[in-house]
Protein backbone atom coordinates (compact mmCIF):
# COMPACT_ATOMS: atom_id res chain seq x y z
CA MET A 1 101.61 124.99 121.73
CA THR A 2 101.86 128.52 123.37
CA LEU A 3 100.70 130.38 126.29
CA THR A 4 97.94 132.79 125.49
CA GLY A 5 96.64 135.62 127.47
CA PRO A 6 93.31 133.67 128.35
CA VAL A 7 95.10 130.49 129.44
CA ALA A 8 97.67 132.60 131.54
CA LEU A 9 94.63 134.17 133.21
CA ALA A 10 92.86 130.97 133.82
CA VAL A 11 95.89 129.63 135.36
CA LEU A 12 96.75 132.72 137.70
CA PHE A 13 92.83 132.37 139.02
CA GLY A 14 93.92 128.63 139.86
CA ALA A 15 97.11 129.77 141.73
CA VAL A 16 94.84 131.93 143.87
CA LEU A 17 92.56 129.02 144.81
CA HIS A 18 95.46 126.90 145.31
CA ALA A 19 96.88 129.01 147.82
CA SER A 20 93.55 129.33 149.39
CA TRP A 21 93.19 125.80 149.95
CA ASN A 22 96.55 125.41 151.29
CA ALA A 23 96.10 128.40 153.78
CA LEU A 24 92.76 126.51 155.34
CA ILE A 25 94.98 123.54 155.83
CA LYS A 26 97.69 125.56 157.51
CA SER A 27 95.23 127.26 159.82
CA ALA A 28 93.71 123.84 161.12
CA SER A 29 94.50 122.52 164.43
CA ASP A 30 94.54 118.81 162.80
CA LYS A 31 96.46 119.27 159.44
CA SER A 32 96.42 115.71 158.63
CA LEU A 33 92.73 115.55 159.03
CA ASP A 34 91.97 118.24 157.27
CA THR A 35 94.13 117.40 154.30
CA ALA A 36 92.39 114.00 154.34
CA LEU A 37 88.76 115.65 154.61
CA ILE A 38 89.24 118.24 152.05
CA HIS A 39 90.50 115.86 149.31
CA SER A 40 87.99 112.68 150.03
CA LEU A 41 85.09 115.04 149.79
CA GLY A 42 86.16 115.76 146.00
CA LEU A 43 84.46 112.37 145.48
CA PHE A 44 80.81 114.11 145.91
CA ILE A 45 82.01 116.89 143.33
CA ALA A 46 83.64 114.67 140.89
CA LEU A 47 80.85 111.99 140.51
CA PRO A 48 78.01 114.50 139.04
CA ILE A 49 81.13 115.82 136.80
CA LEU A 50 81.80 112.36 135.62
CA ALA A 51 78.01 111.63 135.07
CA PHE A 52 78.04 114.66 132.47
CA THR A 53 81.43 114.16 130.86
CA GLY A 54 81.67 110.40 130.82
CA LEU A 55 84.93 108.61 131.60
CA PRO A 56 88.17 109.68 129.90
CA ALA A 57 89.89 107.64 127.27
CA ALA A 58 91.37 104.09 128.51
CA ALA A 59 95.16 105.38 127.48
CA SER A 60 94.93 107.75 130.53
CA TRP A 61 93.85 105.04 133.20
CA PRO A 62 97.41 104.03 133.77
CA TYR A 63 98.82 107.61 134.58
CA LEU A 64 95.58 108.18 136.69
CA ALA A 65 96.38 105.13 138.75
CA ALA A 66 100.09 106.10 139.31
CA SER A 67 98.79 109.60 140.15
CA VAL A 68 96.65 108.36 142.80
CA VAL A 69 99.32 106.30 144.48
CA ILE A 70 101.70 109.35 144.34
CA HIS A 71 99.20 111.93 145.86
CA VAL A 72 99.28 109.72 148.99
CA GLY A 73 103.06 110.54 149.46
CA TYR A 74 102.31 114.28 148.43
CA TYR A 75 99.35 114.65 151.26
CA VAL A 76 101.92 112.89 153.99
CA ALA A 77 104.52 115.40 152.85
CA LEU A 78 102.22 118.29 152.82
CA ALA A 79 100.65 117.59 156.39
CA GLY A 80 104.34 117.60 157.66
CA ALA A 81 105.42 120.45 156.30
CA TYR A 82 102.65 122.47 157.74
CA LYS A 83 103.09 120.75 161.03
CA HIS A 84 106.57 122.02 161.54
CA GLY A 85 106.63 125.13 159.59
CA ASP A 86 104.89 128.30 158.55
CA LEU A 87 102.91 128.72 155.21
CA GLY A 88 105.39 131.31 154.31
CA LEU A 89 108.19 128.71 154.52
CA ALA A 90 107.05 125.24 153.57
CA TYR A 91 104.38 126.50 150.82
CA PRO A 92 107.15 128.38 148.68
CA VAL A 93 110.09 125.56 149.05
CA MET A 94 107.44 123.07 147.95
CA ARG A 95 106.05 124.82 144.94
CA GLY A 96 109.19 126.66 143.94
CA SER A 97 111.60 123.95 143.61
CA ALA A 98 109.16 121.74 141.35
CA PRO A 99 108.91 123.88 138.43
CA LEU A 100 112.73 123.43 137.42
CA LEU A 101 112.25 119.62 137.83
CA VAL A 102 108.97 119.63 135.70
CA ALA A 103 110.64 121.44 132.91
CA LEU A 104 113.88 119.24 132.99
CA SER A 105 111.46 116.14 133.02
CA SER A 106 109.03 117.51 130.30
CA LEU A 107 111.86 117.98 127.96
CA ALA A 108 113.23 114.36 128.61
CA VAL A 109 110.03 112.74 128.75
CA MET A 110 107.64 114.51 126.34
CA GLY A 111 110.24 116.26 124.17
CA GLU A 112 108.86 119.89 125.07
CA ARG A 113 111.33 122.56 124.29
CA LEU A 114 111.30 125.89 125.74
CA SER A 115 112.41 129.26 124.41
CA VAL A 116 115.20 131.08 125.85
CA PHE A 117 112.56 133.74 127.70
CA ALA A 118 110.51 130.61 128.99
CA TRP A 119 113.70 129.18 130.62
CA PHE A 120 114.54 132.52 132.42
CA GLY A 121 110.84 132.60 133.47
CA VAL A 122 111.12 129.11 134.85
CA ALA A 123 114.19 129.78 136.71
CA GLY A 124 112.88 133.17 137.59
CA ILE A 125 109.48 131.89 139.41
CA CYS A 126 112.10 129.05 141.08
CA VAL A 127 114.29 131.43 142.49
CA GLY A 128 111.69 133.99 143.59
CA VAL A 129 109.61 131.51 145.23
CA LEU A 130 112.79 129.89 146.90
CA THR A 131 113.74 133.55 148.18
CA LEU A 132 110.42 133.94 149.62
CA GLY A 133 110.37 130.85 151.37
CA LEU A 134 114.04 130.88 152.64
CA SER A 135 113.58 134.48 154.42
CA PRO A 136 114.20 134.73 158.12
CA GLY A 137 111.40 134.22 160.53
CA HIS A 138 109.32 131.63 158.68
CA LEU A 139 109.25 129.11 161.66
CA HIS A 140 106.39 128.09 163.59
CA THR A 141 106.58 128.58 167.25
CA SER A 142 105.85 125.01 167.62
CA GLY A 143 107.89 123.67 164.68
CA HIS A 144 111.18 123.04 163.40
CA ARG A 145 112.58 124.57 160.33
CA GLY A 146 114.70 121.60 159.37
CA LYS A 147 111.88 119.38 159.25
CA ALA A 148 109.72 121.61 157.85
CA LEU A 149 112.02 122.00 154.86
CA GLY A 150 112.77 118.27 154.76
CA PHE A 151 109.19 117.59 153.87
CA ALA A 152 108.98 120.51 151.78
CA LEU A 153 112.00 119.52 149.50
CA ALA A 154 110.68 116.02 149.36
CA ASN A 155 107.19 117.05 148.25
CA ALA A 156 108.68 119.16 145.56
CA CYS A 157 109.96 116.06 143.92
CA ILE A 158 106.54 114.40 144.50
CA ILE A 159 104.76 117.83 142.71
CA ALA A 160 107.17 117.36 139.68
CA LEU A 161 106.51 113.56 139.58
CA TYR A 162 102.70 113.62 139.32
CA THR A 163 102.80 116.95 137.34
CA VAL A 164 104.53 115.13 134.46
CA ILE A 165 102.48 112.00 134.90
CA ASP A 166 99.06 114.05 134.90
CA GLY A 167 100.25 116.12 132.09
CA LEU A 168 100.95 112.88 129.89
CA GLY A 169 97.46 111.46 131.04
CA VAL A 170 95.53 114.60 130.68
CA ARG A 171 96.59 114.89 127.04
CA ALA A 172 95.66 111.07 126.47
CA SER A 173 92.14 111.60 128.05
CA GLY A 174 90.42 113.25 125.32
CA ASN A 175 88.56 115.38 128.08
CA ALA A 176 90.37 117.41 130.61
CA ALA A 177 87.28 117.54 132.91
CA ALA A 178 86.85 113.61 132.61
CA TYR A 179 90.43 113.20 133.42
CA VAL A 180 90.13 115.49 136.59
CA ALA A 181 87.05 114.40 138.11
CA LEU A 182 87.88 110.67 138.10
CA LEU A 183 91.30 111.64 139.33
CA PHE A 184 89.50 113.36 142.50
CA VAL A 185 86.76 110.41 142.65
CA PHE A 186 90.02 108.10 144.29
CA ASP A 187 92.75 110.94 144.91
CA GLY A 188 91.53 111.75 148.59
CA LEU A 189 90.39 108.17 150.05
CA PRO A 190 93.46 106.25 150.53
CA PHE A 191 95.14 108.95 152.48
CA MET A 192 91.83 109.12 154.51
CA LEU A 193 92.06 105.45 154.99
CA LEU A 194 95.75 106.00 155.94
CA VAL A 195 95.08 108.78 158.62
CA LEU A 196 92.14 107.21 160.63
CA TRP A 197 93.98 103.43 160.59
CA ARG A 198 97.18 105.33 162.24
CA ARG A 199 94.86 106.81 164.89
CA GLY A 200 93.38 103.64 166.61
CA PRO A 201 89.93 103.14 167.53
CA GLN A 202 89.51 106.00 169.99
CA GLY A 203 91.41 108.27 167.94
CA ARG A 204 89.02 107.36 164.96
CA ARG A 205 86.21 108.43 167.13
CA ASP A 206 87.61 111.74 167.98
CA ALA A 207 88.85 112.14 164.35
CA ILE A 208 85.08 111.82 162.91
CA ALA A 209 84.03 114.34 165.69
CA TYR A 210 86.64 116.80 164.59
CA MET A 211 85.69 116.54 160.74
CA ARG A 212 82.12 116.98 161.56
CA GLY A 213 83.03 120.41 162.62
CA ARG A 214 85.09 120.96 159.82
CA LEU A 215 82.71 120.13 157.04
CA GLY A 216 81.87 123.72 156.16
CA VAL A 217 85.44 124.83 155.94
CA ALA A 218 86.42 121.71 154.13
CA TRP A 219 83.80 121.84 151.41
CA LEU A 220 85.31 125.37 150.26
CA GLY A 221 88.89 123.68 150.34
CA THR A 222 87.52 120.75 148.37
CA ALA A 223 86.00 123.35 145.62
CA ALA A 224 89.21 125.46 145.39
CA SER A 225 91.46 122.19 145.14
CA LEU A 226 89.38 120.59 142.39
CA ALA A 227 89.22 123.85 140.40
CA SER A 228 92.69 124.87 140.78
CA TYR A 229 94.19 121.50 139.58
CA GLY A 230 91.39 121.30 136.72
CA ILE A 231 92.19 124.66 135.39
CA ALA A 232 96.10 123.58 135.47
CA LEU A 233 95.54 120.29 133.56
CA TRP A 234 93.40 121.98 131.21
CA ALA A 235 95.73 124.50 130.19
CA MET A 236 98.37 121.44 129.88
CA THR A 237 96.43 120.66 126.84
CA ARG A 238 97.03 123.92 125.39
CA ALA A 239 100.21 125.13 126.67
CA PRO A 240 103.74 123.18 127.59
CA VAL A 241 103.65 121.35 130.82
CA ALA A 242 106.56 123.16 132.22
CA VAL A 243 105.29 126.62 131.49
CA VAL A 244 101.75 126.07 133.02
CA ALA A 245 103.62 124.21 136.22
CA ALA A 246 105.85 127.37 136.55
CA LEU A 247 102.98 130.03 136.26
CA ARG A 248 100.96 127.83 138.39
CA GLU A 249 103.42 128.51 141.33
CA THR A 250 102.80 132.21 141.37
CA SER A 251 100.41 130.90 144.16
CA VAL A 252 103.03 131.63 146.47
CA LEU A 253 102.47 135.17 146.00
CA PHE A 254 98.89 134.81 147.31
CA ALA A 255 100.03 132.78 149.90
CA ALA A 256 102.32 135.06 151.20
CA LEU A 257 99.95 137.72 151.19
CA ILE A 258 97.38 135.25 153.15
CA GLY A 259 100.17 134.37 155.48
CA THR A 260 100.76 137.77 156.53
CA LEU A 261 97.35 139.19 156.56
CA TRP A 262 95.23 136.01 157.76
CA LEU A 263 98.09 134.12 159.71
CA ARG A 264 100.13 137.06 161.00
CA GLU A 265 103.23 135.77 159.46
CA ARG A 266 105.90 138.43 158.84
CA PHE A 267 106.44 140.07 155.59
CA GLY A 268 109.89 141.61 155.13
CA LEU A 269 112.28 142.86 152.58
CA GLN A 270 113.54 139.60 151.31
CA ARG A 271 109.90 138.45 150.78
CA ALA A 272 109.39 141.54 148.98
CA LEU A 273 112.61 141.08 146.77
CA GLY A 274 111.25 137.26 146.27
CA THR A 275 108.00 138.72 145.02
CA ALA A 276 109.41 141.23 142.31
CA VAL A 277 111.57 138.03 140.99
CA VAL A 278 108.39 136.06 140.69
CA VAL A 279 106.70 138.93 138.54
CA GLY A 280 109.76 138.98 136.54
CA GLY A 281 109.90 135.14 135.82
CA VAL A 282 105.89 135.41 134.95
CA MET A 283 106.75 138.17 132.58
CA ALA A 284 109.32 136.28 131.09
CA LEU A 285 107.11 133.23 130.58
CA ARG A 286 104.25 135.15 129.04
CA PHE A 287 106.32 137.02 126.55
CA GLY A 288 108.56 133.81 125.80
């Protein structure tokens, strides 16, 4: 398996979509509810897709079940990171640490060996996105940098875990679209139930009223989330998982741009240097 030009372009487009729905959550007043709503709505998009594709092969179901459980932890850590830190801090740390973990895991679990250039690409993207995320000034006025980093680093491990599991699952599924659709049928519901359960009766009534007002924006986030991950898993059937995972994290570049232009976050010299390193890593991946 190698990373071809069309696959690389598809993954980069998915990276734009991924940064977009993360920015929607960061801009929300209730990040846990927006996270739960965006991913619960995936059920209504995924079911029509399943009606067309049919179920994925039974060999992929254990991976699907494990992924659904792991994604609950992902959403908890995601909401926590955005509660305490800027998009420009939390997003790069979460996404930038994961590719190297994925590369090491896919080598051990899947036997995927990368070329020297590809390893340079993975390392370059990791260094670049961490440089972006750890630059000064990325602290939300009502947040705590240490807590944000803790949630983000924990989520990097979770991201690496579900990436490898879904990489194995989608290859066993026989149909990437069917695998992604079935994943999104169950993906958001456990986290939604957890969020509502923790709020009590009055909190649940307030939550439902809040979500009614956010439906329009949430639908956009749902479509972006499903398409982004669908593209990534499809690409993993055509290129090494570690390469796709690393290339997908170029979404941090788009997150930095969104954070600067939309969320009024600062863009300084260190973020510019980090951007340059990420671009170099992408080039090494593509030509490695």
